Amino acid sequence: MSDHPEDFNPNSINATLSRIMAAQDEMCRKADRIIAQVERTNGRVTKLEIWKAIVGAQTALIASAVASVIAVIGWVIIYLSKRQ
């Protein structure tokens, strides 16, 4: 084989292997970027899931407190209405 540029054969084994290796390198770089983005997204999703659970628990707590207050008010009204 000659190292002269005019002797370059784009269909040679070396040229084909070079293209394959370049394509693999690009795929590896893309995969690394995808993995990095997935890890960032998973972190955000996990934070949102935790936030959703906290908000749900707070909502349940507030609903229980409101229901308890209403029940006590109802009990007081019934008690006072029976006293008269």
N, C-alpha and C. Protein backbone atom coordinates (compact mmCIF):
# COMPACT_ATOMS: atom_id res chain seq x y z
N MET A 1 0.83 -1.18 0.00
CA MET A 1 0.00 0.00 0.00
C MET A 1 0.87 1.23 0.00
N SER A 2 0.36 2.23 -0.62
CA SER A 2 1.08 3.48 -0.74
C SER A 2 0.43 4.52 0.16
N ASP A 3 1.22 5.46 0.65
CA ASP A 3 0.71 6.52 1.52
C ASP A 3 0.38 7.79 0.74
N HIS A 4 0.32 7.71 -0.55
CA HIS A 4 0.00 8.88 -1.37
C HIS A 4 -1.50 9.12 -1.34
N PRO A 5 -1.92 10.41 -1.21
CA PRO A 5 -3.36 10.71 -1.15
C PRO A 5 -4.12 10.29 -2.40
N GLU A 6 -3.48 10.30 -3.53
CA GLU A 6 -4.19 9.92 -4.76
C GLU A 6 -4.45 8.41 -4.81
N ASP A 7 -3.79 7.63 -3.94
CA ASP A 7 -4.00 6.19 -3.90
C ASP A 7 -5.10 5.80 -2.90
N PHE A 8 -5.74 6.76 -2.29
CA PHE A 8 -6.77 6.48 -1.29
C PHE A 8 -7.97 5.79 -1.94
N ASN A 9 -8.38 4.70 -1.33
CA ASN A 9 -9.54 3.95 -1.80
C ASN A 9 -10.60 3.99 -0.69
N PRO A 10 -11.72 4.71 -0.87
CA PRO A 10 -12.73 4.83 0.19
C PRO A 10 -13.42 3.50 0.51
N ASN A 11 -13.27 2.52 -0.35
CA ASN A 11 -13.90 1.22 -0.11
C ASN A 11 -12.94 0.20 0.46
N SER A 12 -11.72 0.63 0.80
CA SER A 12 -10.74 -0.31 1.35
C SER A 12 -11.14 -0.72 2.76
N ILE A 13 -10.57 -1.80 3.23
CA ILE A 13 -10.86 -2.30 4.58
C ILE A 13 -10.48 -1.25 5.62
N ASN A 14 -9.31 -0.63 5.46
CA ASN A 14 -8.86 0.37 6.43
C ASN A 14 -9.82 1.56 6.49
N ALA A 15 -10.26 2.03 5.34
CA ALA A 15 -11.19 3.16 5.32
C ALA A 15 -12.52 2.77 5.93
N THR A 16 -13.00 1.58 5.63
CA THR A 16 -14.27 1.11 6.19
C THR A 16 -14.17 0.95 7.70
N LEU A 17 -13.09 0.34 8.17
CA LEU A 17 -12.90 0.18 9.61
C LEU A 17 -12.77 1.53 10.31
N SER A 18 -12.12 2.46 9.66
CA SER A 18 -11.99 3.80 10.22
C SER A 18 -13.36 4.47 10.37
N ARG A 19 -14.22 4.32 9.38
CA ARG A 19 -15.58 4.88 9.47
C ARG A 19 -16.39 4.20 10.58
N ILE A 20 -16.23 2.89 10.69
CA ILE A 20 -16.95 2.15 11.73
C ILE A 20 -16.50 2.60 13.11
N MET A 21 -15.19 2.75 13.28
CA MET A 21 -14.66 3.18 14.58
C MET A 21 -15.10 4.61 14.91
N ALA A 22 -15.11 5.47 13.91
CA ALA A 22 -15.57 6.85 14.14
C ALA A 22 -17.04 6.86 14.53
N ALA A 23 -17.85 6.04 13.88
CA ALA A 23 -19.28 5.96 14.20
C ALA A 23 -19.47 5.41 15.62
N GLN A 24 -18.68 4.42 16.00
CA GLN A 24 -18.77 3.87 17.35
C GLN A 24 -18.39 4.91 18.39
N ASP A 25 -17.35 5.67 18.12
CA ASP A 25 -16.93 6.72 19.04
C ASP A 25 -18.05 7.75 19.23
N GLU A 26 -18.69 8.13 18.14
CA GLU A 26 -19.79 9.09 18.22
C GLU A 26 -20.96 8.51 19.01
N MET A 27 -21.28 7.22 18.79
CA MET A 27 -22.36 6.57 19.53
C MET A 27 -22.02 6.52 21.02
N CYS A 28 -20.77 6.27 21.36
CA CYS A 28 -20.36 6.25 22.77
C CYS A 28 -20.52 7.63 23.40
N ARG A 29 -20.15 8.68 22.68
CA ARG A 29 -20.32 10.04 23.19
C ARG A 29 -21.81 10.36 23.38
N LYS A 30 -22.64 9.95 22.42
CA LYS A 30 -24.08 10.17 22.56
C LYS A 30 -24.63 9.40 23.75
N ALA A 31 -24.20 8.17 23.91
CA ALA A 31 -24.67 7.35 25.03
C ALA A 31 -24.27 7.99 26.36
N ASP A 32 -23.06 8.53 26.43
CA ASP A 32 -22.62 9.20 27.66
C ASP A 32 -23.49 10.42 27.96
N ARG A 33 -23.82 11.19 26.91
CA ARG A 33 -24.68 12.36 27.11
C ARG A 33 -26.08 11.93 27.54
N ILE A 34 -26.59 10.86 26.94
CA ILE A 34 -27.92 10.36 27.30
C ILE A 34 -27.94 9.90 28.75
N ILE A 35 -26.93 9.17 29.16
CA ILE A 35 -26.85 8.67 30.54
C ILE A 35 -26.80 9.84 31.52
N ALA A 36 -26.00 10.86 31.20
CA ALA A 36 -25.91 12.03 32.08
C ALA A 36 -27.27 12.71 32.20
N GLN A 37 -27.98 12.85 31.09
CA GLN A 37 -29.30 13.49 31.11
C GLN A 37 -30.30 12.64 31.88
N VAL A 38 -30.24 11.33 31.71
CA VAL A 38 -31.16 10.43 32.43
C VAL A 38 -30.93 10.55 33.94
N GLU A 39 -29.67 10.63 34.35
CA GLU A 39 -29.38 10.75 35.78
C GLU A 39 -29.91 12.07 36.33
N ARG A 40 -29.76 13.15 35.58
CA ARG A 40 -30.31 14.45 36.03
C ARG A 40 -31.83 14.37 36.10
N THR A 41 -32.46 13.78 35.08
CA THR A 41 -33.92 13.67 35.04
C THR A 41 -34.42 12.81 36.18
N ASN A 42 -33.75 11.69 36.44
CA ASN A 42 -34.17 10.82 37.54
C ASN A 42 -34.08 11.55 38.86
N GLY A 43 -33.06 12.38 39.03
CA GLY A 43 -32.95 13.16 40.26
C GLY A 43 -34.11 14.12 40.42
N ARG A 44 -34.49 14.78 39.33
CA ARG A 44 -35.62 15.71 39.40
C ARG A 44 -36.92 14.96 39.65
N VAL A 45 -37.09 13.82 39.01
CA VAL A 45 -38.32 13.04 39.20
C VAL A 45 -38.41 12.55 40.63
N THR A 46 -37.29 12.11 41.19
CA THR A 46 -37.30 11.65 42.58
C THR A 46 -37.69 12.79 43.51
N LYS A 47 -37.15 13.98 43.28
CA LYS A 47 -37.51 15.13 44.11
C LYS A 47 -39.00 15.44 43.99
N LEU A 48 -39.53 15.35 42.76
CA LEU A 48 -40.96 15.61 42.57
C LEU A 48 -41.82 14.55 43.25
N GLU A 49 -41.39 13.30 43.22
CA GLU A 49 -42.14 12.24 43.88
C GLU A 49 -42.16 12.45 45.39
N ILE A 50 -41.02 12.87 45.95
CA ILE A 50 -40.95 13.15 47.40
C ILE A 50 -41.86 14.33 47.73
N TRP A 51 -41.79 15.40 46.91
CA TRP A 51 -42.62 16.57 47.13
C TRP A 51 -44.10 16.18 47.07
N LYS A 52 -44.47 15.33 46.11
CA LYS A 52 -45.86 14.90 45.98
C LYS A 52 -46.30 14.14 47.23
N ALA A 53 -45.45 13.28 47.76
CA ALA A 53 -45.80 12.52 48.96
C ALA A 53 -45.97 13.44 50.16
N ILE A 54 -45.09 14.45 50.27
CA ILE A 54 -45.20 15.39 51.38
C ILE A 54 -46.48 16.20 51.28
N VAL A 55 -46.79 16.69 50.09
CA VAL A 55 -48.03 17.46 49.90
C VAL A 55 -49.25 16.59 50.19
N GLY A 56 -49.21 15.35 49.77
CA GLY A 56 -50.33 14.44 50.05
C GLY A 56 -50.51 14.22 51.55
N ALA A 57 -49.40 14.04 52.26
CA ALA A 57 -49.48 13.85 53.71
C ALA A 57 -49.98 15.12 54.40
N GLN A 58 -49.51 16.28 53.96
CA GLN A 58 -49.97 17.54 54.54
C GLN A 58 -51.46 17.75 54.29
N THR A 59 -51.90 17.41 53.09
CA THR A 59 -53.32 17.54 52.76
C THR A 59 -54.16 16.64 53.64
N ALA A 60 -53.72 15.41 53.85
CA ALA A 60 -54.46 14.48 54.70
C ALA A 60 -54.50 14.98 56.14
N LEU A 61 -53.40 15.54 56.61
CA LEU A 61 -53.34 16.06 57.97
C LEU A 61 -54.29 17.25 58.13
N ILE A 62 -54.26 18.15 57.18
CA ILE A 62 -55.15 19.32 57.25
C ILE A 62 -56.61 18.88 57.16
N ALA A 63 -56.91 17.94 56.27
CA ALA A 63 -58.29 17.45 56.15
C ALA A 63 -58.75 16.79 57.44
N SER A 64 -57.87 16.05 58.09
CA SER A 64 -58.22 15.42 59.37
C SER A 64 -58.48 16.47 60.44
N ALA A 65 -57.64 17.51 60.47
CA ALA A 65 -57.81 18.56 61.46
C ALA A 65 -59.12 19.30 61.23
N VAL A 66 -59.43 19.63 59.98
CA VAL A 66 -60.68 20.33 59.67
C VAL A 66 -61.88 19.45 60.04
N ALA A 67 -61.81 18.18 59.71
CA ALA A 67 -62.91 17.27 60.04
C ALA A 67 -63.09 17.17 61.55
N SER A 68 -61.99 17.15 62.29
CA SER A 68 -62.08 17.08 63.75
C SER A 68 -62.72 18.33 64.33
N VAL A 69 -62.31 19.49 63.82
CA VAL A 69 -62.88 20.75 64.30
C VAL A 69 -64.37 20.80 64.00
N ILE A 70 -64.76 20.41 62.81
CA ILE A 70 -66.18 20.40 62.44
C ILE A 70 -66.96 19.43 63.32
N ALA A 71 -66.37 18.27 63.62
CA ALA A 71 -67.04 17.29 64.47
C ALA A 71 -67.22 17.84 65.88
N VAL A 72 -66.20 18.53 66.41
CA VAL A 72 -66.32 19.11 67.75
C VAL A 72 -67.37 20.21 67.76
N ILE A 73 -67.39 21.05 66.74
CA ILE A 73 -68.41 22.10 66.65
C ILE A 73 -69.79 21.48 66.58
N GLY A 74 -69.95 20.44 65.79
CA GLY A 74 -71.25 19.75 65.70
C GLY A 74 -71.65 19.15 67.04
N TRP A 75 -70.68 18.58 67.74
CA TRP A 75 -70.98 17.98 69.04
C TRP A 75 -71.40 19.06 70.03
N VAL A 76 -70.71 20.20 70.01
CA VAL A 76 -71.05 21.31 70.92
C VAL A 76 -72.46 21.83 70.59
N ILE A 77 -72.77 21.99 69.32
CA ILE A 77 -74.11 22.48 68.93
C ILE A 77 -75.19 21.50 69.41
N ILE A 78 -74.98 20.23 69.21
CA ILE A 78 -75.96 19.22 69.65
C ILE A 78 -76.08 19.25 71.16
N TYR A 79 -74.96 19.33 71.86
CA TYR A 79 -74.97 19.36 73.33
C TYR A 79 -75.73 20.57 73.85
N LEU A 80 -75.44 21.76 73.25
CA LEU A 80 -76.10 22.97 73.69
C LEU A 80 -77.59 22.97 73.34
N SER A 81 -77.96 22.40 72.21
CA SER A 81 -79.37 22.36 71.82
C SER A 81 -80.17 21.41 72.72
N LYS A 82 -79.55 20.39 73.28
CA LYS A 82 -80.25 19.45 74.16
C LYS A 82 -80.39 20.03 75.57
N ARG A 83 -79.52 20.94 75.94
CA ARG A 83 -79.56 21.53 77.28
C ARG A 83 -80.75 22.46 77.45
N GLN A 84 -81.24 23.00 76.39
CA GLN A 84 -82.33 23.99 76.50
C GLN A 84 -83.65 23.36 76.57
